Amino acid sequence: MDTEDRPAETSGDEAATTPHEPQPQLPPKLVFRVPGIALLAVLFAAMCATPIAFAKPGLQVIYLVPLAIGVWVVRNRTVVDRERLVARTTFGGRDLPWAEVAAVKVGAKSWAVAVLDDETEVPLPAVRARHLSLLAAMSGGRMGDPSAAE
């Protein structure tokens, strides 16, 4: 039998592919935070404060400034997964289920702010305007992607 008479065989994998672009795989959660390299600046500030701190008794309290900045760098973050947003600040935090988030808007200096159903605004630490498409992808369709061009 001639090979030209037989229909072409395709594997199941080839038939399952679509001409659309593949969706990027998202991790189970995204963490937005101040880069850890900022702790080097805290260390440098502590070293620069040493001559001042030991100039007179009682000036050692100046070490509280770099310590406070270090706590701020380590603590401030926003964790996003498919069920919720967790906005963690220096002295507290807030767990926001996606069902309570009505929108995410861009506030002052391009920082993102979550607007809840009761119109309460919750700042999202370390989330900038450029991260909104990632938030939209993690929301599972509950939030529109502002970067989608149609």
N, C-alpha and C. Protein backbone atom coordinates (compact mmCIF):
# COMPACT_ATOMS: atom_id res chain seq x y z
N MET A 1 0.84 -1.19 0.00
CA MET A 1 0.00 0.00 0.00
C MET A 1 0.87 1.24 0.00
N ASP A 2 0.46 2.22 -0.71
CA ASP A 2 1.20 3.45 -0.85
C ASP A 2 1.04 4.30 0.41
N THR A 3 2.10 4.99 0.82
CA THR A 3 2.02 5.84 2.01
C THR A 3 1.19 7.09 1.76
N GLU A 4 1.03 7.47 0.49
CA GLU A 4 0.24 8.66 0.17
C GLU A 4 -1.24 8.43 0.38
N ASP A 5 -1.70 7.16 0.34
CA ASP A 5 -3.11 6.86 0.49
C ASP A 5 -3.56 6.84 1.95
N ARG A 6 -2.61 6.69 2.86
CA ARG A 6 -2.96 6.61 4.28
C ARG A 6 -3.12 8.00 4.88
N PRO A 7 -4.08 8.18 5.81
CA PRO A 7 -4.20 9.47 6.47
C PRO A 7 -3.03 9.67 7.42
N ALA A 8 -2.65 10.91 7.61
CA ALA A 8 -1.54 11.23 8.50
C ALA A 8 -1.97 10.96 9.94
N GLU A 9 -1.06 10.37 10.70
CA GLU A 9 -1.35 10.09 12.10
C GLU A 9 -0.75 11.20 12.96
N THR A 10 -1.53 11.61 13.95
CA THR A 10 -1.04 12.63 14.88
C THR A 10 -1.15 12.08 16.28
N SER A 11 -0.21 12.46 17.10
CA SER A 11 -0.29 12.02 18.49
C SER A 11 -1.27 12.91 19.24
N GLY A 12 -1.71 12.46 20.40
CA GLY A 12 -2.65 13.23 21.21
C GLY A 12 -2.08 14.56 21.65
N ASP A 13 -0.75 14.62 21.83
CA ASP A 13 -0.13 15.87 22.27
C ASP A 13 -0.24 16.94 21.19
N GLU A 14 -0.04 16.55 19.95
CA GLU A 14 -0.11 17.52 18.86
C GLU A 14 -1.52 18.03 18.68
N ALA A 15 -2.51 17.18 18.86
CA ALA A 15 -3.90 17.60 18.68
C ALA A 15 -4.35 18.51 19.81
N ALA A 16 -3.73 18.40 20.96
CA ALA A 16 -4.15 19.19 22.11
C ALA A 16 -3.58 20.60 22.10
N THR A 17 -2.55 20.86 21.28
CA THR A 17 -1.97 22.19 21.28
C THR A 17 -2.88 23.16 20.56
N THR A 18 -2.86 24.40 21.01
CA THR A 18 -3.67 25.44 20.40
C THR A 18 -2.74 26.50 19.84
N PRO A 19 -3.24 27.29 18.90
CA PRO A 19 -2.39 28.33 18.33
C PRO A 19 -2.20 29.52 19.27
N HIS A 20 -2.91 29.56 20.40
CA HIS A 20 -2.78 30.67 21.33
C HIS A 20 -1.45 30.60 22.07
N GLU A 21 -1.03 31.75 22.58
CA GLU A 21 0.20 31.77 23.37
C GLU A 21 -0.01 31.02 24.67
N PRO A 22 0.99 30.29 25.13
CA PRO A 22 0.83 29.58 26.40
C PRO A 22 0.80 30.57 27.56
N GLN A 23 -0.04 30.30 28.55
CA GLN A 23 -0.14 31.13 29.73
C GLN A 23 1.07 30.88 30.62
N PRO A 24 1.68 31.94 31.15
CA PRO A 24 2.82 31.71 32.04
C PRO A 24 2.36 31.07 33.34
N GLN A 25 3.16 30.18 33.85
CA GLN A 25 2.84 29.51 35.10
C GLN A 25 3.15 30.46 36.25
N LEU A 26 2.17 30.64 37.12
CA LEU A 26 2.35 31.50 38.28
C LEU A 26 2.70 30.66 39.48
N PRO A 27 3.53 31.18 40.36
CA PRO A 27 3.84 30.45 41.58
C PRO A 27 2.61 30.44 42.50
N PRO A 28 2.60 29.60 43.54
CA PRO A 28 1.44 29.56 44.43
C PRO A 28 1.22 30.87 45.17
N LYS A 29 2.29 31.64 45.39
CA LYS A 29 2.12 32.95 46.02
C LYS A 29 3.20 33.89 45.52
N LEU A 30 2.89 35.18 45.54
CA LEU A 30 3.84 36.21 45.18
C LEU A 30 4.10 37.07 46.40
N VAL A 31 5.35 37.43 46.62
CA VAL A 31 5.74 38.27 47.74
C VAL A 31 6.37 39.54 47.20
N PHE A 32 5.78 40.68 47.53
CA PHE A 32 6.31 41.98 47.15
C PHE A 32 6.92 42.59 48.41
N ARG A 33 8.20 42.92 48.37
CA ARG A 33 8.86 43.50 49.53
C ARG A 33 10.01 44.39 49.10
N VAL A 34 10.52 45.15 50.06
CA VAL A 34 11.68 45.98 49.82
C VAL A 34 12.86 45.04 49.60
N PRO A 35 13.69 45.27 48.59
CA PRO A 35 14.81 44.36 48.35
C PRO A 35 15.72 44.23 49.58
N GLY A 36 16.18 43.02 49.82
CA GLY A 36 17.01 42.73 50.98
C GLY A 36 18.34 43.47 50.98
N ILE A 37 18.78 43.91 49.81
CA ILE A 37 20.04 44.64 49.72
C ILE A 37 19.95 45.95 50.50
N ALA A 38 18.75 46.43 50.78
CA ALA A 38 18.57 47.65 51.56
C ALA A 38 19.12 47.49 52.98
N LEU A 39 19.26 46.26 53.43
CA LEU A 39 19.85 46.03 54.76
C LEU A 39 21.33 46.43 54.79
N LEU A 40 21.98 46.43 53.64
CA LEU A 40 23.36 46.92 53.60
C LEU A 40 23.42 48.41 53.93
N ALA A 41 22.44 49.17 53.46
CA ALA A 41 22.38 50.59 53.80
C ALA A 41 22.14 50.77 55.29
N VAL A 42 21.35 49.89 55.89
CA VAL A 42 21.11 49.95 57.33
C VAL A 42 22.41 49.67 58.09
N LEU A 43 23.14 48.68 57.64
CA LEU A 43 24.43 48.36 58.26
C LEU A 43 25.40 49.52 58.13
N PHE A 44 25.43 50.13 56.96
CA PHE A 44 26.30 51.28 56.73
C PHE A 44 25.91 52.45 57.64
N ALA A 45 24.61 52.69 57.80
CA ALA A 45 24.14 53.77 58.68
C ALA A 45 24.54 53.49 60.13
N ALA A 46 24.48 52.23 60.55
CA ALA A 46 24.88 51.88 61.91
C ALA A 46 26.38 52.11 62.10
N MET A 47 27.18 51.77 61.09
CA MET A 47 28.62 52.00 61.19
C MET A 47 28.93 53.49 61.24
N CYS A 48 28.20 54.28 60.45
CA CYS A 48 28.43 55.73 60.45
C CYS A 48 27.97 56.37 61.76
N ALA A 49 27.02 55.75 62.43
CA ALA A 49 26.53 56.29 63.70
C ALA A 49 27.46 55.98 64.86
N THR A 50 28.37 55.05 64.70
CA THR A 50 29.23 54.63 65.81
C THR A 50 30.07 55.77 66.41
N PRO A 51 30.75 56.60 65.60
CA PRO A 51 31.52 57.68 66.23
C PRO A 51 30.64 58.66 67.00
N ILE A 52 29.44 58.91 66.48
CA ILE A 52 28.52 59.82 67.16
C ILE A 52 27.99 59.17 68.44
N ALA A 53 27.68 57.88 68.36
CA ALA A 53 27.09 57.18 69.50
C ALA A 53 28.02 57.13 70.70
N PHE A 54 29.32 57.08 70.47
CA PHE A 54 30.25 56.99 71.58
C PHE A 54 30.95 58.32 71.89
N ALA A 55 30.47 59.40 71.29
CA ALA A 55 31.06 60.72 71.57
C ALA A 55 30.72 61.18 72.99
N LYS A 56 29.51 60.94 73.43
CA LYS A 56 29.08 61.31 74.78
C LYS A 56 28.18 60.21 75.31
N PRO A 57 28.14 60.05 76.61
CA PRO A 57 27.23 59.05 77.18
C PRO A 57 25.77 59.39 76.85
N GLY A 58 25.02 58.38 76.53
CA GLY A 58 23.60 58.56 76.22
C GLY A 58 23.30 58.69 74.74
N LEU A 59 24.30 58.93 73.92
CA LEU A 59 24.07 59.05 72.48
C LEU A 59 23.93 57.70 71.77
N GLN A 60 24.06 56.61 72.53
CA GLN A 60 23.91 55.28 71.93
C GLN A 60 22.49 55.06 71.41
N VAL A 61 21.54 55.88 71.85
CA VAL A 61 20.17 55.74 71.35
C VAL A 61 20.08 56.03 69.86
N ILE A 62 21.13 56.64 69.29
CA ILE A 62 21.15 56.90 67.85
C ILE A 62 21.10 55.59 67.05
N TYR A 63 21.52 54.49 67.67
CA TYR A 63 21.44 53.19 67.00
C TYR A 63 19.99 52.75 66.76
N LEU A 64 19.04 53.39 67.43
CA LEU A 64 17.64 53.04 67.21
C LEU A 64 17.16 53.42 65.81
N VAL A 65 17.79 54.43 65.21
CA VAL A 65 17.38 54.86 63.87
C VAL A 65 17.67 53.76 62.83
N PRO A 66 18.91 53.27 62.71
CA PRO A 66 19.13 52.19 61.74
C PRO A 66 18.38 50.91 62.10
N LEU A 67 18.21 50.67 63.40
CA LEU A 67 17.45 49.49 63.81
C LEU A 67 16.00 49.59 63.34
N ALA A 68 15.40 50.75 63.48
CA ALA A 68 14.01 50.95 63.05
C ALA A 68 13.89 50.81 61.53
N ILE A 69 14.85 51.33 60.82
CA ILE A 69 14.82 51.19 59.36
C ILE A 69 14.98 49.73 58.96
N GLY A 70 15.83 49.01 59.65
CA GLY A 70 16.00 47.58 59.37
C GLY A 70 14.73 46.78 59.62
N VAL A 71 14.04 47.09 60.71
CA VAL A 71 12.76 46.42 60.99
C VAL A 71 11.76 46.75 59.89
N TRP A 72 11.73 47.99 59.44
CA TRP A 72 10.82 48.38 58.37
C TRP A 72 11.12 47.60 57.08
N VAL A 73 12.39 47.47 56.73
CA VAL A 73 12.78 46.75 55.51
C VAL A 73 12.36 45.27 55.59
N VAL A 74 12.60 44.65 56.73
CA VAL A 74 12.31 43.23 56.88
C VAL A 74 10.81 42.97 56.99
N ARG A 75 10.09 43.84 57.63
CA ARG A 75 8.69 43.58 57.97
C ARG A 75 7.70 43.94 56.85
N ASN A 76 7.89 45.08 56.17
CA ASN A 76 6.91 45.54 55.19
C ASN A 76 6.91 44.64 53.96
N ARG A 77 5.73 44.12 53.64
CA ARG A 77 5.58 43.27 52.46
C ARG A 77 4.11 43.05 52.17
N THR A 78 3.84 42.61 50.96
CA THR A 78 2.51 42.18 50.56
C THR A 78 2.65 40.78 49.98
N VAL A 79 1.86 39.85 50.50
CA VAL A 79 1.86 38.46 50.03
C VAL A 79 0.53 38.23 49.33
N VAL A 80 0.59 37.74 48.10
CA VAL A 80 -0.61 37.53 47.29
C VAL A 80 -0.67 36.07 46.89
N ASP A 81 -1.83 35.44 47.12
CA ASP A 81 -2.07 34.11 46.58
C ASP A 81 -3.45 34.10 45.95
N ARG A 82 -3.92 32.96 45.56
CA ARG A 82 -5.20 32.88 44.84
C ARG A 82 -6.42 33.15 45.73
N GLU A 83 -6.27 33.07 47.05
CA GLU A 83 -7.39 33.29 47.95
C GLU A 83 -7.39 34.66 48.61
N ARG A 84 -6.21 35.28 48.78
CA ARG A 84 -6.16 36.50 49.58
C ARG A 84 -4.93 37.35 49.28
N LEU A 85 -5.02 38.58 49.80
CA LEU A 85 -3.88 39.50 49.85
C LEU A 85 -3.55 39.68 51.32
N VAL A 86 -2.29 39.68 51.68
CA VAL A 86 -1.89 39.95 53.06
C VAL A 86 -0.95 41.15 53.01
N ALA A 87 -1.43 42.28 53.54
CA ALA A 87 -0.63 43.50 53.61
C ALA A 87 -0.02 43.58 55.00
N ARG A 88 1.29 43.43 55.08
CA ARG A 88 1.96 43.45 56.38
C ARG A 88 2.80 44.71 56.49
N THR A 89 2.52 45.50 57.53
CA THR A 89 3.26 46.74 57.78
C THR A 89 4.18 46.54 58.97
N THR A 90 4.86 47.60 59.35
CA THR A 90 5.84 47.50 60.43
C THR A 90 5.21 47.05 61.74
N PHE A 91 4.07 47.59 62.06
CA PHE A 91 3.45 47.29 63.36
C PHE A 91 2.13 46.54 63.25
N GLY A 92 1.81 45.98 62.14
CA GLY A 92 0.55 45.25 62.01
C GLY A 92 0.44 44.62 60.64
N GLY A 93 -0.76 44.22 60.33
CA GLY A 93 -1.01 43.60 59.04
C GLY A 93 -2.50 43.43 58.84
N ARG A 94 -2.86 43.11 57.62
CA ARG A 94 -4.27 42.93 57.31
C ARG A 94 -4.41 41.82 56.29
N ASP A 95 -5.30 40.89 56.57
CA ASP A 95 -5.60 39.78 55.68
C ASP A 95 -6.84 40.15 54.89
N LEU A 96 -6.73 40.23 53.57
CA LEU A 96 -7.83 40.66 52.71
C LEU A 96 -8.21 39.54 51.74
N PRO A 97 -9.30 38.84 51.99
CA PRO A 97 -9.74 37.85 51.00
C PRO A 97 -10.11 38.56 49.69
N TRP A 98 -9.87 37.91 48.56
CA TRP A 98 -10.18 38.52 47.27
C TRP A 98 -11.65 38.90 47.17
N ALA A 99 -12.53 38.19 47.86
CA ALA A 99 -13.96 38.50 47.80
C ALA A 99 -14.27 39.88 48.38
N GLU A 100 -13.45 40.39 49.29
CA GLU A 100 -13.66 41.70 49.89
C GLU A 100 -13.03 42.83 49.10
N VAL A 101 -12.16 42.52 48.15
CA VAL A 101 -11.45 43.56 47.40
C VAL A 101 -12.29 43.95 46.19
N ALA A 102 -12.73 45.21 46.17
CA ALA A 102 -13.53 45.71 45.05
C ALA A 102 -12.64 46.14 43.89
N ALA A 103 -11.49 46.73 44.21
CA ALA A 103 -10.57 47.21 43.17
C ALA A 103 -9.20 47.43 43.78
N VAL A 104 -8.24 47.60 42.90
CA VAL A 104 -6.90 48.01 43.31
C VAL A 104 -6.58 49.24 42.49
N LYS A 105 -6.30 50.33 43.18
CA LYS A 105 -5.99 51.57 42.46
C LYS A 105 -4.57 51.99 42.75
N VAL A 106 -4.09 52.89 41.93
CA VAL A 106 -2.75 53.42 42.10
C VAL A 106 -2.86 54.73 42.86
N GLY A 107 -2.19 54.78 44.00
CA GLY A 107 -2.23 55.97 44.84
C GLY A 107 -1.04 56.87 44.56
N ALA A 108 -0.64 57.60 45.58
CA ALA A 108 0.48 58.54 45.46
C ALA A 108 1.77 57.80 45.15
N LYS A 109 2.57 58.39 44.28
CA LYS A 109 3.89 57.87 43.92
C LYS A 109 3.83 56.45 43.35
N SER A 110 2.77 56.11 42.65
CA SER A 110 2.60 54.81 41.99
C SER A 110 2.49 53.62 42.93
N TRP A 111 2.17 53.84 44.19
CA TRP A 111 1.96 52.73 45.12
C TRP A 111 0.54 52.22 44.97
N ALA A 112 0.35 50.92 45.07
CA ALA A 112 -0.98 50.31 44.93
C ALA A 112 -1.75 50.36 46.25
N VAL A 113 -3.05 50.56 46.12
CA VAL A 113 -3.95 50.63 47.27
C VAL A 113 -5.15 49.74 46.97
N ALA A 114 -5.48 48.83 47.87
CA ALA A 114 -6.65 47.98 47.70
C ALA A 114 -7.88 48.73 48.22
N VAL A 115 -8.93 48.75 47.41
CA VAL A 115 -10.19 49.37 47.81
C VAL A 115 -11.15 48.23 48.12
N LEU A 116 -11.65 48.20 49.36
CA LEU A 116 -12.54 47.13 49.79
C LEU A 116 -13.98 47.44 49.42
N ASP A 117 -14.87 46.47 49.62
CA ASP A 117 -16.28 46.64 49.30
C ASP A 117 -16.91 47.80 50.07
N ASP A 118 -16.45 48.05 51.30
CA ASP A 118 -17.00 49.15 52.09
C ASP A 118 -16.24 50.45 51.83
N GLU A 119 -15.50 50.53 50.74
CA GLU A 119 -14.73 51.69 50.28
C GLU A 119 -13.57 52.06 51.19
N THR A 120 -13.16 51.15 52.08
CA THR A 120 -11.96 51.35 52.89
C THR A 120 -10.75 51.13 51.99
N GLU A 121 -9.75 51.98 52.15
CA GLU A 121 -8.53 51.85 51.36
C GLU A 121 -7.42 51.27 52.23
N VAL A 122 -6.78 50.22 51.74
CA VAL A 122 -5.69 49.56 52.45
C VAL A 122 -4.45 49.63 51.58
N PRO A 123 -3.40 50.33 52.04
CA PRO A 123 -2.17 50.37 51.25
C PRO A 123 -1.53 48.99 51.15
N LEU A 124 -0.98 48.70 50.00
CA LEU A 124 -0.29 47.43 49.76
C LEU A 124 1.21 47.72 49.72
N PRO A 125 1.92 47.44 50.82
CA PRO A 125 3.35 47.76 50.87
C PRO A 125 4.14 47.07 49.76
N ALA A 126 5.01 47.84 49.13
CA ALA A 126 5.94 47.38 48.11
C ALA A 126 5.29 46.99 46.79
N VAL A 127 3.99 47.21 46.62
CA VAL A 127 3.32 46.91 45.35
C VAL A 127 3.22 48.21 44.57
N ARG A 128 3.77 48.21 43.37
CA ARG A 128 3.78 49.40 42.53
C ARG A 128 2.82 49.20 41.36
N ALA A 129 2.64 50.23 40.58
CA ALA A 129 1.74 50.17 39.42
C ALA A 129 2.17 49.09 38.43
N ARG A 130 3.47 48.88 38.29
CA ARG A 130 3.95 47.86 37.34
C ARG A 130 3.61 46.43 37.76
N HIS A 131 3.19 46.24 39.00
CA HIS A 131 2.84 44.91 39.49
C HIS A 131 1.36 44.57 39.34
N LEU A 132 0.55 45.50 38.84
CA LEU A 132 -0.90 45.27 38.77
C LEU A 132 -1.27 44.10 37.87
N SER A 133 -0.53 43.86 36.80
CA SER A 133 -0.85 42.72 35.94
C SER A 133 -0.61 41.40 36.68
N LEU A 134 0.41 41.35 37.56
CA LEU A 134 0.63 40.14 38.37
C LEU A 134 -0.50 39.95 39.38
N LEU A 135 -0.96 41.04 39.97
CA LEU A 135 -2.09 40.94 40.90
C LEU A 135 -3.34 40.44 40.18
N ALA A 136 -3.56 40.94 38.97
CA ALA A 136 -4.72 40.51 38.20
C ALA A 136 -4.64 39.02 37.88
N ALA A 137 -3.47 38.54 37.55
CA ALA A 137 -3.31 37.11 37.24
C ALA A 137 -3.54 36.26 38.48
N MET A 138 -3.05 36.70 39.63
CA MET A 138 -3.22 35.93 40.87
C MET A 138 -4.65 35.99 41.39
N SER A 139 -5.40 37.02 40.99
CA SER A 139 -6.78 37.15 41.50
C SER A 139 -7.72 36.13 40.87
N GLY A 140 -7.30 35.48 39.82
CA GLY A 140 -8.14 34.48 39.18
C GLY A 140 -9.33 35.09 38.45
N GLY A 141 -9.15 36.27 37.87
CA GLY A 141 -10.22 36.91 37.12
C GLY A 141 -11.09 37.85 37.94
N ARG A 142 -10.86 37.94 39.22
CA ARG A 142 -11.65 38.86 40.05
C ARG A 142 -11.26 40.31 39.85
N MET A 143 -10.07 40.52 39.32
CA MET A 143 -9.58 41.85 39.06
C MET A 143 -9.12 41.90 37.61
N GLY A 144 -9.50 42.94 36.89
CA GLY A 144 -9.11 43.07 35.50
C GLY A 144 -7.65 43.43 35.35
N ASP A 145 -7.05 43.01 34.25
CA ASP A 145 -5.65 43.31 33.97
C ASP A 145 -5.58 44.66 33.27
N PRO A 146 -4.99 45.68 33.90
CA PRO A 146 -4.93 46.99 33.28
C PRO A 146 -3.98 47.06 32.09
N SER A 147 -3.08 46.12 31.95
CA SER A 147 -2.12 46.15 30.85
C SER A 147 -2.64 45.42 29.61
N ALA A 148 -3.80 44.77 29.70
CA ALA A 148 -4.34 44.04 28.56
C ALA A 148 -4.85 45.04 27.53
N ALA A 149 -4.32 44.98 26.34
CA ALA A 149 -4.73 45.89 25.26
C ALA A 149 -5.79 45.21 24.41
N GLU A 150 -6.90 45.87 24.28
CA GLU A 150 -7.98 45.29 23.46
C GLU A 150 -8.47 46.30 22.49
